[in-house]
């Protein structure tokens, strides 16, 4: 009866401890239990030892569900020991060592009952601790998952995983073996998973998606390899290293596996998020580019805009738009300076051979492997073909000095960008060509009479002076009658080419009508204009075939005269009449008044 009451008292105090204490860790519980047993049983010493501690101390576990009783005999010794075994349903989980001064206060049979009761208490306590650990683990898992979703950055995800592992299992070391490059995360225990490495267990975990174990008795080291899996693949392996060959319980490995799965899902979501951001950015780039290119830009403006966009979006070093023509290559104005060099044409023609051999874009990671291109000051190169009007061919060339600088995703984006912009290039070219047809004579390729009239009118408003020349091919009817109109047309083209070759880009050569041609020299005085005309007359005489001569009439204006374009034309026409009348193959200058001047070449 007394033993039953004593057991009830012990159980009551244990339950009071459970209800009142906020610290129910194993260390605190065992300390309180030892004090309680010592007080209630009036023992000299009470020592509770659990199974894990017995193993670490190389002590044997009691294998029988019965108490052990010993008496220490010797001079002056009256100590009696009682060992109470603790069991779960099947196995020993520990023992309680009680030391008494003789006599033992309770019958030995009562200690058997105490063993059963305390074993049940320990079973419940272990279940409580297990559930509490599970609750803590899932709370940690919930917290870290929330951080994953809020961060959406690889560095943040991996940092949180390492911190959690080190906090929960501080006796172990960790290494994340990842398939992706993470050179910017050298402050974390991360290593690239090398498929040529000899770490067979890590590769097995990656390939099979299952946990792998590795034990080294010689090094006293144990490794656990847990795959980091997402919904679409395996992104690496989590290596857990034990330096003293200690092992983790299966429940802890199960938790770490859940953590690894959440990490894999987070890495996958981050990757998808970054991909979606990139896709949105690419679509915005294409949309913005298409919108801008639909605003009727000139060809030079289209080129400059596209070059600027490519430099910004692809971080390229050099960009050019090249048109391949029968006469050679044409680098569109707006391309970067490197492609404006005179000796670059040879390399561009060699690129053309590669480009149009199979009609596919070029994606070259290192140009140094191509002998004919190895002298260029860049390694990475993307070349996208373009179709231009009238069956012509062109290309966009994008380069960088570093090898393998551009990704394949950038290569695909550039193809899409050029595809959307080619129409704008073609529209600009066709529009400028149409404008050129409107203002250009079809046969001689000189400007039209209307264009000349407009330019002279603007010049007389904005400039201070200018010189106007009318040229007429002498005896052109005889040339047509003798050689035919086709030869006559060729003579007109030859004279027009000589005129274009002897005036500035700002000067205007035009077809006035029939065999009459005109030249306007803005901001050129009469003396200089006279020397230019004499040079043209001389070249026409010597370079045409069959040879012809021209007669010229010159007029001049400045701000001091009340002149109109009509007056300028009238004086030049009169001077041309004078040159014809006085023998042809000469020029005649008509002054502002009655003064005139005949110049015989």
Protein backbone atom coordinates (compact mmCIF):
# COMPACT_ATOMS: atom_id res chain seq x y z
CA UNK A 1 0.00 0.00 0.00
CA UNK A 2 2.82 2.34 0.91
CA UNK A 3 4.58 1.61 -2.40
CA UNK A 4 1.39 2.41 -4.36
CA UNK A 5 1.03 5.73 -2.56
CA UNK A 6 4.68 6.50 -3.19
CA UNK A 7 4.25 5.79 -6.89
CA UNK A 8 1.14 7.98 -7.02
CA UNK A 9 3.08 10.80 -5.34
CA UNK A 10 5.93 10.46 -7.85
CA UNK A 11 3.53 10.48 -10.81
CA UNK A 12 1.65 13.45 -9.35
CA UNK A 13 4.83 15.50 -9.05
CA UNK A 14 5.92 14.55 -12.58
CA UNK A 15 2.55 15.69 -13.98
CA UNK A 16 2.77 18.92 -11.96
CA UNK A 17 6.15 19.55 -13.58
CA UNK A 18 4.70 18.97 -17.04
CA UNK A 19 1.84 21.39 -16.35
CA UNK A 20 3.85 24.17 -14.72
CA UNK A 21 7.17 24.17 -16.59
CA UNK A 22 7.73 26.04 -19.83
CA UNK A 23 11.02 24.23 -20.39
CA UNK A 24 10.31 20.61 -21.23
CA UNK A 25 13.58 19.82 -22.90
CA UNK A 26 15.12 16.42 -22.23
CA UNK A 27 17.95 17.83 -20.07
CA UNK A 28 15.54 19.76 -17.83
CA UNK A 29 13.13 16.82 -17.52
CA UNK A 30 15.86 14.34 -16.56
CA UNK A 31 17.34 16.76 -14.00
CA UNK A 32 13.95 17.31 -12.37
CA UNK A 33 13.18 13.56 -12.41
CA UNK A 34 16.49 12.75 -10.70
CA UNK A 35 15.81 15.33 -7.94
CA UNK A 36 12.24 14.09 -7.51
CA UNK A 37 13.23 10.42 -7.21
CA UNK A 38 16.02 11.29 -4.80
CA UNK A 39 13.57 13.17 -2.56
CA UNK A 40 10.62 10.78 -2.73
CA UNK A 41 12.66 7.58 -2.36
CA UNK A 42 15.13 9.10 0.11
CA UNK A 43 17.98 7.91 -2.09
CA UNK A 44 21.57 9.02 -1.82
CA UNK A 45 21.77 9.32 -5.59
CA UNK A 46 19.41 8.93 -8.57
CA UNK A 47 20.89 8.76 -12.07
CA UNK A 48 18.69 8.51 -15.20
CA UNK A 49 20.53 7.26 -18.30
CA UNK A 50 18.81 6.95 -21.70
CA UNK A 51 19.69 4.62 -24.53
CA UNK A 52 21.71 7.10 -26.62
CA UNK A 53 23.87 8.03 -23.65
CA UNK A 54 24.47 4.36 -22.82
CA UNK A 55 25.69 3.73 -26.34
CA UNK A 56 28.02 6.72 -26.27
CA UNK A 57 29.44 5.49 -22.93
CA UNK A 58 29.82 1.89 -24.22
CA UNK A 59 27.49 0.60 -21.45
CA UNK A 60 25.29 -2.37 -22.00
CA UNK A 61 21.55 -2.00 -22.04
CA UNK A 62 19.53 -4.08 -19.61
CA UNK A 63 17.75 -6.61 -21.76
CA UNK A 64 15.34 -7.93 -19.17
CA UNK A 65 12.29 -6.14 -17.91
CA UNK A 66 13.31 -6.67 -14.25
CA UNK A 67 15.12 -4.66 -11.65
CA UNK A 68 18.71 -5.32 -10.70
CA UNK A 69 19.67 -5.30 -7.02
CA UNK A 70 23.23 -5.25 -5.66
CA UNK A 71 24.81 -4.77 -2.24
CA UNK A 72 28.27 -3.24 -1.92
CA UNK A 73 29.93 -5.19 0.86
CA UNK A 74 33.08 -4.02 2.49
CA UNK A 75 34.42 -2.42 5.59
CA UNK A 76 32.22 0.53 6.51
CA UNK A 77 30.04 0.13 3.37
CA UNK A 78 26.28 -0.19 3.66
CA UNK A 79 25.28 1.06 0.16
CA UNK A 80 22.63 -0.80 -1.79
CA UNK A 81 22.01 -0.20 -5.54
CA UNK A 82 18.74 -0.67 -7.37
CA UNK A 83 18.71 -0.41 -11.19
CA UNK A 84 15.27 0.19 -12.68
CA UNK A 85 15.04 -0.60 -16.42
CA UNK A 86 13.01 1.62 -18.76
CA UNK A 87 11.30 0.03 -21.78
CA UNK A 88 9.04 1.02 -24.59
CA UNK A 89 6.72 -1.57 -26.11
CA UNK A 90 9.57 -3.71 -27.43
CA UNK A 91 13.00 -2.31 -26.61
CA UNK A 92 15.01 -0.95 -23.69
CA UNK A 93 15.17 2.84 -23.72
CA UNK A 94 17.30 3.43 -20.61
CA UNK A 95 17.71 2.85 -16.89
CA UNK A 96 17.53 4.55 -13.49
CA UNK A 97 20.37 3.93 -10.96
CA UNK A 98 19.26 4.39 -7.34
CA UNK A 99 21.80 4.34 -4.51
CA UNK A 100 20.50 3.80 -0.96
CA UNK A 101 21.97 3.50 2.51
CA UNK A 102 20.75 0.25 3.95
CA UNK A 103 18.05 -0.64 4.21
CA UNK A 104 16.16 0.00 0.90
CA UNK A 105 12.96 1.91 1.84
CA UNK A 106 10.61 -0.11 -0.39
CA UNK A 107 10.17 -3.78 -1.19
CA UNK A 108 11.95 -4.87 -4.37
CA UNK A 109 8.61 -5.83 -5.99
CA UNK A 110 7.47 -2.20 -5.77
CA UNK A 111 10.43 -1.21 -7.94
CA UNK A 112 9.10 -3.55 -10.64
CA UNK A 113 5.83 -1.64 -10.63
CA UNK A 114 7.78 1.63 -10.62
CA UNK A 115 9.71 0.43 -13.69
CA UNK A 116 6.46 -0.17 -15.57
CA UNK A 117 4.92 3.18 -14.54
CA UNK A 118 8.04 5.23 -15.30
CA UNK A 119 8.48 3.41 -18.63
CA UNK A 120 4.95 4.46 -19.60
CA UNK A 121 5.71 8.05 -18.55
CA UNK A 122 8.88 8.03 -20.66
CA UNK A 123 6.97 6.63 -23.62
CA UNK A 124 4.46 9.48 -23.40
CA UNK A 125 7.23 11.98 -22.88
CA UNK A 126 9.10 10.70 -25.95
CA UNK A 127 5.92 10.90 -28.00
CA UNK A 128 5.41 14.45 -26.76
CA UNK A 129 9.01 15.42 -27.59
CA UNK A 130 8.72 13.76 -31.00
CA UNK A 131 5.51 15.65 -31.81
CA UNK A 132 6.98 18.84 -30.46
CA UNK A 133 10.07 18.39 -32.67
CA UNK A 134 7.83 17.65 -35.63
CA UNK A 135 5.80 20.77 -34.88
CA UNK A 136 9.00 22.81 -34.64
CA UNK A 137 10.32 21.33 -37.86
CA UNK A 138 7.13 22.09 -39.76
CA UNK A 139 7.06 25.59 -38.30
CA UNK A 140 10.62 26.09 -39.52
CA UNK A 141 9.64 24.61 -42.88
CA UNK A 142 6.65 26.95 -43.12
CA UNK A 143 8.78 29.97 -42.19
CA UNK A 144 11.54 29.20 -44.65
CA UNK A 145 9.02 28.45 -47.43
CA UNK A 146 7.42 31.85 -46.83
CA UNK A 147 10.85 33.43 -47.14
CA UNK A 148 11.43 31.52 -50.38
CA UNK A 149 8.27 32.92 -51.94
CA UNK A 150 8.98 36.46 -50.79
CA UNK A 151 12.64 36.49 -51.86
CA UNK A 152 12.52 34.84 -55.31
CA UNK A 153 16.31 35.06 -55.44
CA UNK A 154 18.73 32.14 -55.56
CA UNK A 155 21.13 33.69 -53.07
CA UNK A 156 18.35 34.33 -50.54
CA UNK A 157 16.99 30.77 -50.88
CA UNK A 158 20.35 29.05 -50.44
CA UNK A 159 21.38 31.35 -47.57
CA UNK A 160 18.19 30.53 -45.65
CA UNK A 161 18.64 26.78 -46.20
CA UNK A 162 22.22 26.81 -44.90
CA UNK A 163 21.29 28.93 -41.85
CA UNK A 164 18.38 26.62 -40.96
CA UNK A 165 20.51 23.48 -41.20
CA UNK A 166 23.30 25.00 -39.12
CA UNK A 167 20.79 26.15 -36.51
CA UNK A 168 18.98 22.82 -36.20
CA UNK A 169 21.90 20.42 -36.66
CA UNK A 170 24.96 22.33 -35.54
CA UNK A 171 27.11 19.20 -35.12
CA UNK A 172 27.06 18.54 -38.87
CA UNK A 173 28.61 20.26 -41.90
CA UNK A 174 26.83 20.96 -45.18
CA UNK A 175 27.65 21.35 -48.85
CA UNK A 176 25.20 22.16 -51.65
CA UNK A 177 26.16 20.56 -54.97
CA UNK A 178 24.24 22.47 -57.66
CA UNK A 179 23.99 21.95 -61.40
CA UNK A 180 23.90 25.71 -62.16
CA UNK A 181 26.81 28.15 -62.02
CA UNK A 182 26.84 30.22 -58.84
CA UNK A 183 30.25 31.90 -58.95
CA UNK A 184 28.84 34.97 -57.22
CA UNK A 185 27.88 32.93 -54.11
CA UNK A 186 31.37 31.95 -52.97
CA UNK A 187 30.54 33.03 -49.41
CA UNK A 188 28.17 30.04 -49.12
CA UNK A 189 29.14 26.33 -48.96
CA UNK A 190 28.17 25.76 -52.59
CA UNK A 191 29.97 23.75 -55.25
CA UNK A 192 29.08 22.96 -58.86
CA UNK A 193 27.99 19.37 -59.32
CA UNK A 194 30.71 18.00 -61.57
CA UNK A 195 29.50 15.12 -63.72
CA UNK A 196 33.10 13.99 -64.20
CA UNK A 197 33.75 13.88 -60.46
CA UNK A 198 34.39 10.61 -58.63
CA UNK A 199 31.66 11.27 -56.07
CA UNK A 200 29.52 8.30 -57.08
CA UNK A 201 27.01 8.69 -54.22
CA UNK A 202 26.29 12.31 -55.15
CA UNK A 203 25.77 11.33 -58.79
CA UNK A 204 23.50 8.44 -57.79
CA UNK A 205 21.40 10.78 -55.65
CA UNK A 206 21.15 13.21 -58.59
CA UNK A 207 20.30 10.55 -61.18
CA UNK A 208 17.92 8.41 -59.10
CA UNK A 209 16.36 11.18 -57.03
CA UNK A 210 16.80 9.02 -53.90
CA UNK A 211 18.74 9.56 -50.66
CA UNK A 212 22.21 7.98 -50.67
CA UNK A 213 24.40 7.05 -47.68
CA UNK A 214 28.18 6.82 -47.49
CA UNK A 215 30.23 5.73 -44.47
CA UNK A 216 34.00 5.82 -44.11
CA UNK A 217 35.23 3.86 -41.10
CA UNK A 218 38.82 4.84 -41.85
CA UNK A 219 38.10 8.58 -41.83
CA UNK A 220 35.33 8.30 -39.19
CA UNK A 221 33.09 10.25 -41.50
CA UNK A 222 29.52 9.71 -42.67
CA UNK A 223 27.88 11.45 -45.64
CA UNK A 224 24.22 11.69 -46.53
CA UNK A 225 23.28 12.85 -50.05
CA UNK A 226 19.75 14.18 -50.48
CA UNK A 227 18.56 15.25 -53.96
CA UNK A 228 17.24 18.80 -54.36
CA UNK A 229 14.17 18.11 -56.49
CA UNK A 230 11.59 20.34 -58.10
CA UNK A 231 8.53 19.50 -60.13
CA UNK A 232 10.42 19.53 -63.44
CA UNK A 233 13.81 18.11 -62.49
CA UNK A 234 16.67 17.73 -60.02
CA UNK A 235 18.69 20.89 -59.41
CA UNK A 236 21.45 19.51 -57.23
CA UNK A 237 22.32 17.45 -54.17
CA UNK A 238 22.46 18.41 -50.48
CA UNK A 239 25.48 16.77 -48.81
CA UNK A 240 25.35 16.36 -45.00
CA UNK A 241 28.76 15.59 -43.47
CA UNK A 242 29.31 14.04 -40.03
CA UNK A 243 32.93 14.26 -38.89
CA UNK A 244 32.56 11.73 -36.08
CA UNK A 245 30.47 9.21 -38.03
CA UNK A 246 27.34 10.17 -36.05
CA UNK A 247 24.06 9.40 -37.78
CA UNK A 248 20.81 11.28 -37.97
CA UNK A 249 17.53 9.59 -36.99
CA UNK A 250 15.28 8.60 -39.85
CA UNK A 251 12.73 11.23 -38.77
CA UNK A 252 15.36 13.97 -39.11
CA UNK A 253 16.41 12.71 -42.54
CA UNK A 254 12.75 12.75 -43.55
CA UNK A 255 12.53 16.40 -42.48
CA UNK A 256 15.74 17.35 -44.33
CA UNK A 257 14.38 15.60 -47.41
CA UNK A 258 11.24 17.75 -47.18
CA UNK A 259 13.49 20.80 -46.83
CA UNK A 260 15.48 19.72 -49.90
CA UNK A 261 12.24 19.28 -51.89
CA UNK A 262 11.03 22.74 -50.86
CA UNK A 263 14.44 24.15 -51.83
CA UNK A 264 14.21 22.47 -55.23
CA UNK A 265 10.69 23.84 -55.76
CA UNK A 266 11.84 27.32 -54.72
CA UNK A 267 14.84 27.21 -57.10
CA UNK A 268 12.54 26.04 -59.87
CA UNK A 269 10.01 28.81 -59.15
CA UNK A 270 12.82 31.36 -59.06
CA UNK A 271 14.11 30.09 -62.38
CA UNK A 272 10.62 30.26 -63.89
CA UNK A 273 10.12 33.72 -62.40
CA UNK A 274 13.38 34.95 -63.91
CA UNK A 275 12.46 33.37 -67.23
CA UNK A 276 9.04 35.02 -67.18
CA UNK A 277 10.64 38.37 -66.33
CA UNK A 278 13.06 37.90 -69.22
CA UNK A 279 10.22 36.97 -71.58
CA UNK A 280 8.28 40.08 -70.51
CA UNK A 281 11.39 42.20 -70.94
CA UNK A 282 12.01 40.70 -74.38
CA UNK A 283 8.40 41.32 -75.45
CA UNK A 284 8.59 44.88 -74.16
CA UNK A 285 11.80 45.40 -76.12
CA UNK A 286 10.25 44.02 -79.30
CA UNK A 287 7.03 45.99 -78.79
CA UNK A 288 8.86 49.24 -78.04
CA UNK A 289 11.16 48.71 -81.01
CA UNK A 290 8.29 47.91 -83.37
CA UNK A 291 6.32 50.93 -82.14
CA UNK A 292 9.27 53.27 -82.65
CA UNK A 293 10.11 51.84 -86.06
CA UNK A 294 6.54 52.42 -87.28
CA UNK A 295 6.96 56.21 -87.10
CA UNK A 296 8.26 56.73 -90.68
CA UNK A 297 11.92 57.13 -89.76
CA UNK A 298 14.64 57.70 -92.30
CA UNK A 299 16.99 54.77 -92.96
CA UNK A 300 19.79 56.43 -90.98
CA UNK A 301 17.42 57.02 -88.06
CA UNK A 302 16.24 53.39 -88.14
CA UNK A 303 19.85 52.16 -88.11
CA UNK A 304 20.90 54.49 -85.29
CA UNK A 305 17.89 53.52 -83.18
CA UNK A 306 18.45 49.78 -83.66
CA UNK A 307 22.19 50.02 -82.94
CA UNK A 308 21.50 51.94 -79.71
CA UNK A 309 18.87 49.40 -78.62
CA UNK A 310 21.13 46.42 -79.29
CA UNK A 311 24.08 48.02 -77.46
CA UNK A 312 21.87 48.64 -74.42
CA UNK A 313 19.91 45.37 -74.36
CA UNK A 314 22.70 42.93 -75.23
CA UNK A 315 25.65 44.84 -73.70
CA UNK A 316 27.41 44.45 -77.04
CA UNK A 317 30.63 46.26 -77.94
CA UNK A 318 30.15 46.73 -81.69
CA UNK A 319 27.01 46.63 -83.86
CA UNK A 320 26.61 47.10 -87.61
CA UNK A 321 23.98 46.75 -90.30
CA UNK A 322 25.57 45.56 -93.54
CA UNK A 323 24.11 45.37 -97.03
CA UNK A 324 25.82 43.03 -99.49
CA UNK A 325 25.69 44.37 -103.03
CA UNK A 326 27.26 43.37 -106.34
CA UNK A 327 29.67 46.28 -106.04
CA UNK A 328 30.75 45.33 -102.50
CA UNK A 329 29.51 45.85 -98.97
CA UNK A 330 27.69 48.91 -97.67
CA UNK A 331 27.85 49.73 -93.94
CA UNK A 332 24.72 51.68 -93.07
CA UNK A 333 25.31 55.05 -91.37
CA UNK A 334 24.58 54.70 -87.65
CA UNK A 335 26.69 51.53 -87.23
CA UNK A 336 29.46 51.74 -84.62
CA UNK A 337 32.82 53.26 -85.60
CA UNK A 338 34.72 49.97 -85.77
CA UNK A 339 32.76 48.93 -88.87
CA UNK A 340 33.46 52.25 -90.60
CA UNK A 341 37.11 51.24 -91.15
CA UNK A 342 38.21 50.70 -94.75
CA UNK A 343 39.87 47.30 -94.17
CA UNK A 344 36.80 45.72 -92.55
CA UNK A 345 35.15 44.80 -95.87
CA UNK A 346 37.29 41.66 -96.33
CA UNK A 347 36.08 40.23 -93.01
CA UNK A 348 32.46 41.09 -93.76
CA UNK A 349 32.65 39.32 -97.10
CA UNK A 350 34.07 36.25 -95.35
CA UNK A 351 31.16 36.37 -92.89
CA UNK A 352 28.85 36.49 -95.90
CA UNK A 353 30.27 33.17 -97.12
CA UNK A 354 29.45 31.57 -93.76
CA UNK A 355 26.08 33.30 -93.49
CA UNK A 356 24.63 32.39 -96.87
CA UNK A 357 26.19 28.96 -97.26
CA UNK A 358 23.19 27.44 -95.45
CA UNK A 359 20.95 30.51 -95.06
CA UNK A 360 21.12 30.25 -91.24
CA UNK A 361 22.07 32.87 -88.62
CA UNK A 362 25.56 32.62 -87.12
CA UNK A 363 26.17 32.18 -83.39
CA UNK A 364 29.92 32.08 -82.78
CA UNK A 365 31.29 31.83 -79.24
CA UNK A 366 34.95 32.32 -80.18
CA UNK A 367 36.03 33.74 -83.55
CA UNK A 368 39.66 32.80 -82.86
CA UNK A 369 38.98 29.28 -84.12
CA UNK A 370 38.29 30.72 -87.61
CA UNK A 371 41.63 31.49 -89.27
CA UNK A 372 40.33 34.20 -91.58
CA UNK A 373 38.51 35.96 -88.71
CA UNK A 374 41.02 35.44 -85.90
CA UNK A 375 42.60 38.90 -86.39
CA UNK A 376 39.41 40.71 -85.41
CA UNK A 377 39.48 42.36 -81.96
CA UNK A 378 36.46 40.43 -80.69
CA UNK A 379 35.56 36.81 -79.98
CA UNK A 380 31.79 36.55 -79.51
CA UNK A 381 29.75 37.23 -82.62
CA UNK A 382 26.10 36.98 -83.67
CA UNK A 383 25.18 37.53 -87.34
CA UNK A 384 21.50 37.62 -88.34
CA UNK A 385 20.63 37.65 -92.08
CA UNK A 386 18.21 40.24 -93.47
CA UNK A 387 16.26 40.30 -96.72
CA UNK A 388 16.23 43.73 -98.36
CA UNK A 389 14.20 45.03 -101.36
CA UNK A 390 14.83 43.75 -104.89
CA UNK A 391 16.21 40.43 -103.62
CA UNK A 392 19.18 42.01 -101.89
CA UNK A 393 20.84 40.59 -98.81
CA UNK A 394 22.00 42.16 -95.60
CA UNK A 395 22.95 41.26 -92.07
CA UNK A 396 23.05 42.57 -88.53
CA UNK A 397 26.46 41.93 -86.92
CA UNK A 398 26.76 42.07 -83.10
CA UNK A 399 30.11 41.46 -81.36
CA UNK A 400 31.91 41.51 -78.00
CA UNK A 401 35.64 41.08 -77.13
CA UNK A 402 35.03 38.31 -74.55
CA UNK A 403 34.52 34.71 -75.75
CA UNK A 404 31.12 33.09 -75.18
CA UNK A 405 29.70 36.41 -73.97
CA UNK A 406 26.22 36.06 -75.49
CA UNK A 407 23.75 33.42 -74.33
CA UNK A 408 21.65 31.33 -76.69
CA UNK A 409 18.54 33.07 -75.31
CA UNK A 410 20.02 36.41 -76.41
CA UNK A 411 20.76 34.93 -79.82
CA UNK A 412 17.10 33.89 -80.22
CA UNK A 413 15.94 37.31 -78.99
CA UNK A 414 18.17 39.08 -81.52
CA UNK A 415 16.70 36.95 -84.31
CA UNK A 416 13.20 37.96 -83.26
CA UNK A 417 14.20 41.62 -82.96
CA UNK A 418 15.77 41.69 -86.43
CA UNK A 419 12.77 39.85 -87.86
CA UNK A 420 10.43 42.54 -86.52
CA UNK A 421 12.69 45.41 -87.61
CA UNK A 422 13.45 44.19 -91.15
CA UNK A 423 10.10 45.55 -92.38
CA UNK A 424 10.99 49.00 -91.01
CA UNK A 425 14.37 48.86 -92.79
CA UNK A 426 12.71 47.85 -96.04
CA UNK A 427 9.99 50.51 -95.72
CA UNK A 428 12.59 53.22 -95.10
CA UNK A 429 14.67 52.06 -98.05
CA UNK A 430 11.67 51.88 -100.37
CA UNK A 431 10.39 55.25 -99.21
CA UNK A 432 13.78 56.89 -99.77
CA UNK A 433 14.10 55.17 -103.11
CA UNK A 434 10.66 56.44 -104.10
CA UNK A 435 11.61 59.93 -102.94
CA UNK A 436 14.75 59.65 -105.02
CA UNK A 437 12.72 58.63 -108.09
CA UNK A 438 10.45 61.65 -107.57
CA UNK A 439 13.36 64.10 -107.40
CA UNK A 440 15.71 62.29 -109.80
CA UNK A 441 15.83 62.03 -113.59
CA UNK A 442 15.46 58.37 -114.54
CA UNK A 443 18.07 58.39 -117.32
CA UNK A 444 20.91 60.59 -116.02
CA UNK A 445 20.27 60.11 -112.27
CA UNK A 446 20.65 63.87 -111.90
CA UNK A 447 18.06 65.77 -109.88
CA UNK A 448 14.78 66.84 -111.49
CA UNK A 449 13.96 70.39 -112.58
CA UNK A 450 11.38 70.70 -109.78
CA UNK A 451 13.91 69.69 -107.10
CA UNK A 452 16.42 72.19 -108.50
CA UNK A 453 13.85 75.00 -108.43
CA UNK A 454 12.99 74.29 -104.78
CA UNK A 455 16.64 74.16 -103.67
CA UNK A 456 17.53 77.42 -105.43
CA UNK A 457 14.53 79.16 -103.88
CA UNK A 458 15.58 77.98 -100.37
CA UNK A 459 19.19 78.96 -101.01
CA UNK A 460 18.21 82.49 -102.06
CA UNK A 461 16.35 82.82 -98.72
CA UNK A 462 19.05 81.35 -96.48
CA UNK A 463 22.42 81.89 -98.22
CA UNK A 464 24.35 85.04 -99.20
CA UNK A 465 25.23 84.17 -102.81
CA UNK A 466 25.33 81.41 -105.39
CA UNK A 467 26.16 80.51 -109.00
CA UNK A 468 23.89 78.92 -111.59
CA UNK A 469 25.03 77.20 -114.81
CA UNK A 470 23.08 75.98 -117.84
CA UNK A 471 24.85 73.43 -120.11
CA UNK A 472 23.76 72.37 -123.60
CA UNK A 473 25.38 69.53 -125.56
CA UNK A 474 26.51 70.98 -128.90
CA UNK A 475 25.00 69.50 -132.05
CA UNK A 476 23.18 66.79 -130.08
CA UNK A 477 20.67 66.27 -132.92
CA UNK A 478 23.54 65.36 -135.23
CA UNK A 479 24.79 62.82 -132.64
CA UNK A 480 21.33 61.21 -132.49
CA UNK A 481 20.96 61.20 -136.27
CA UNK A 482 24.47 59.78 -136.80
CA UNK A 483 24.78 57.22 -134.00
CA UNK A 484 21.19 56.64 -132.95
CA UNK A 485 19.19 57.61 -129.88
CA UNK A 486 20.68 54.87 -127.71
CA UNK A 487 24.14 56.34 -128.17
CA UNK A 488 22.63 59.76 -127.55
CA UNK A 489 21.31 58.50 -124.22
CA UNK A 490 24.76 57.16 -123.35
CA UNK A 491 26.28 60.56 -124.12
CA UNK A 492 23.78 62.19 -121.75
CA UNK A 493 24.69 59.69 -119.01
CA UNK A 494 28.45 60.27 -119.56
CA UNK A 495 28.03 64.06 -119.30
CA UNK A 496 25.84 63.67 -116.19
CA UNK A 497 28.46 61.43 -114.54
CA UNK A 498 31.20 63.98 -115.25
CA UNK A 499 29.07 66.71 -113.67
CA UNK A 500 28.38 64.57 -110.57
CA UNK A 501 32.07 63.74 -110.24
CA UNK A 502 33.14 67.41 -110.24
CA UNK A 503 30.74 69.03 -107.80
CA UNK A 504 30.24 68.77 -104.02
CA UNK A 505 27.51 66.80 -102.28
CA UNK A 506 25.86 70.10 -101.37
CA UNK A 507 25.85 71.21 -105.04
CA UNK A 508 22.97 70.27 -107.30
CA UNK A 509 23.25 68.77 -110.76
CA UNK A 510 19.91 68.54 -112.63
CA UNK A 511 18.44 67.73 -116.00
CA UNK A 512 16.93 70.94 -117.29
CA UNK A 513 15.25 69.40 -120.31
CA UNK A 514 16.29 67.39 -123.40
CA UNK A 515 20.04 67.77 -123.88
CA UNK A 516 20.18 70.75 -121.49
CA UNK A 517 21.61 70.21 -118.02
CA UNK A 518 21.93 72.59 -115.05
CA UNK A 519 24.23 73.05 -112.06
CA UNK A 520 23.61 75.15 -108.98
CA UNK A 521 26.50 75.94 -106.65
CA UNK A 522 25.22 77.42 -103.36
CA UNK A 523 27.65 79.74 -101.54
CA UNK A 524 30.08 79.66 -104.49
CA UNK A 525 31.16 83.02 -105.99
CA UNK A 526 31.38 83.74 -109.68
CA UNK A 527 35.16 83.30 -109.99
CA UNK A 528 35.16 79.86 -108.40
CA UNK A 529 32.05 78.88 -110.33
CA UNK A 530 33.78 79.85 -113.57
CA UNK A 531 36.79 77.60 -112.80
CA UNK A 532 34.51 74.67 -111.96
CA UNK A 533 32.63 75.04 -115.27
CA UNK A 534 35.84 75.27 -117.27
CA UNK A 535 37.04 72.02 -115.67
CA UNK A 536 33.75 70.31 -116.53
CA UNK A 537 33.86 71.55 -120.16
CA UNK A 538 37.41 70.23 -120.52
CA UNK A 539 36.54 66.79 -119.11
CA UNK A 540 33.45 66.45 -121.28
CA UNK A 541 35.52 67.18 -124.35
CA UNK A 542 38.15 64.61 -123.43
CA UNK A 543 36.18 61.82 -121.73
CA UNK A 544 32.99 61.35 -123.74
CA UNK A 545 32.76 58.67 -126.41
CA UNK A 546 31.84 59.57 -129.07
CA UNK A 547 33.33 62.90 -128.12
CA UNK A 548 31.04 65.90 -127.71
CA UNK A 549 31.37 69.48 -126.48
CA UNK A 550 29.09 71.69 -124.42
CA UNK A 551 28.18 75.34 -124.33
CA UNK A 552 27.53 76.95 -120.96
CA UNK A 553 25.78 80.04 -119.65
CA UNK A 554 26.53 81.31 -116.13
CA UNK A 555 24.57 83.65 -113.89
CA UNK A 556 25.27 84.78 -110.32
CA UNK A 557 23.29 86.31 -107.44
CA UNK A 558 23.97 87.81 -104.05
CA UNK A 559 22.04 89.53 -101.28
CA UNK A 560 22.68 92.97 -102.74
CA UNK A 561 20.52 92.26 -105.79
CA UNK A 562 16.76 92.03 -105.99
CA UNK A 563 16.88 88.65 -107.71
CA UNK A 564 14.39 85.82 -108.03
CA UNK A 565 15.04 82.29 -109.30
CA UNK A 566 13.27 83.27 -112.49
CA UNK A 567 15.70 86.16 -113.02
CA UNK A 568 18.66 83.83 -112.38
CA UNK A 569 17.36 81.33 -114.93
CA UNK A 570 16.67 84.02 -117.50
CA UNK A 571 20.21 85.45 -117.31
CA UNK A 572 21.82 82.00 -117.54
CA UNK A 573 19.60 81.08 -120.50
CA UNK A 574 20.58 84.28 -122.28
CA UNK A 575 24.27 83.60 -121.55
CA UNK A 576 23.87 80.08 -123.00
CA UNK A 577 22.30 81.57 -126.14
CA UNK A 578 25.30 83.88 -126.46
CA UNK A 579 27.75 80.98 -126.06
CA UNK A 580 25.96 79.04 -128.81
CA UNK A 581 25.74 82.06 -131.06
CA UNK A 582 29.44 82.82 -130.74
CA UNK A 583 30.80 79.42 -131.69
CA UNK A 584 29.82 76.79 -129.09
CA UNK A 585 32.25 74.79 -126.88
CA UNK A 586 32.57 77.75 -124.52
CA UNK A 587 30.97 79.47 -121.56
CA UNK A 588 29.39 82.91 -121.40
CA UNK A 589 28.79 84.93 -118.22
CA UNK A 590 25.79 87.22 -118.04
CA UNK A 591 26.20 90.02 -115.48
CA UNK A 592 23.62 91.78 -113.38
CA UNK A 593 23.40 94.68 -115.86
CA UNK A 594 24.33 94.90 -119.48
CA UNK A 595 27.87 93.61 -118.79
CA UNK A 596 28.73 90.15 -120.11
CA UNK A 597 31.83 88.05 -120.52
CA UNK A 598 32.83 85.44 -123.05
CA UNK A 599 35.31 82.78 -121.95
CA UNK A 600 36.78 80.50 -124.61
CA UNK A 601 38.14 77.24 -123.23
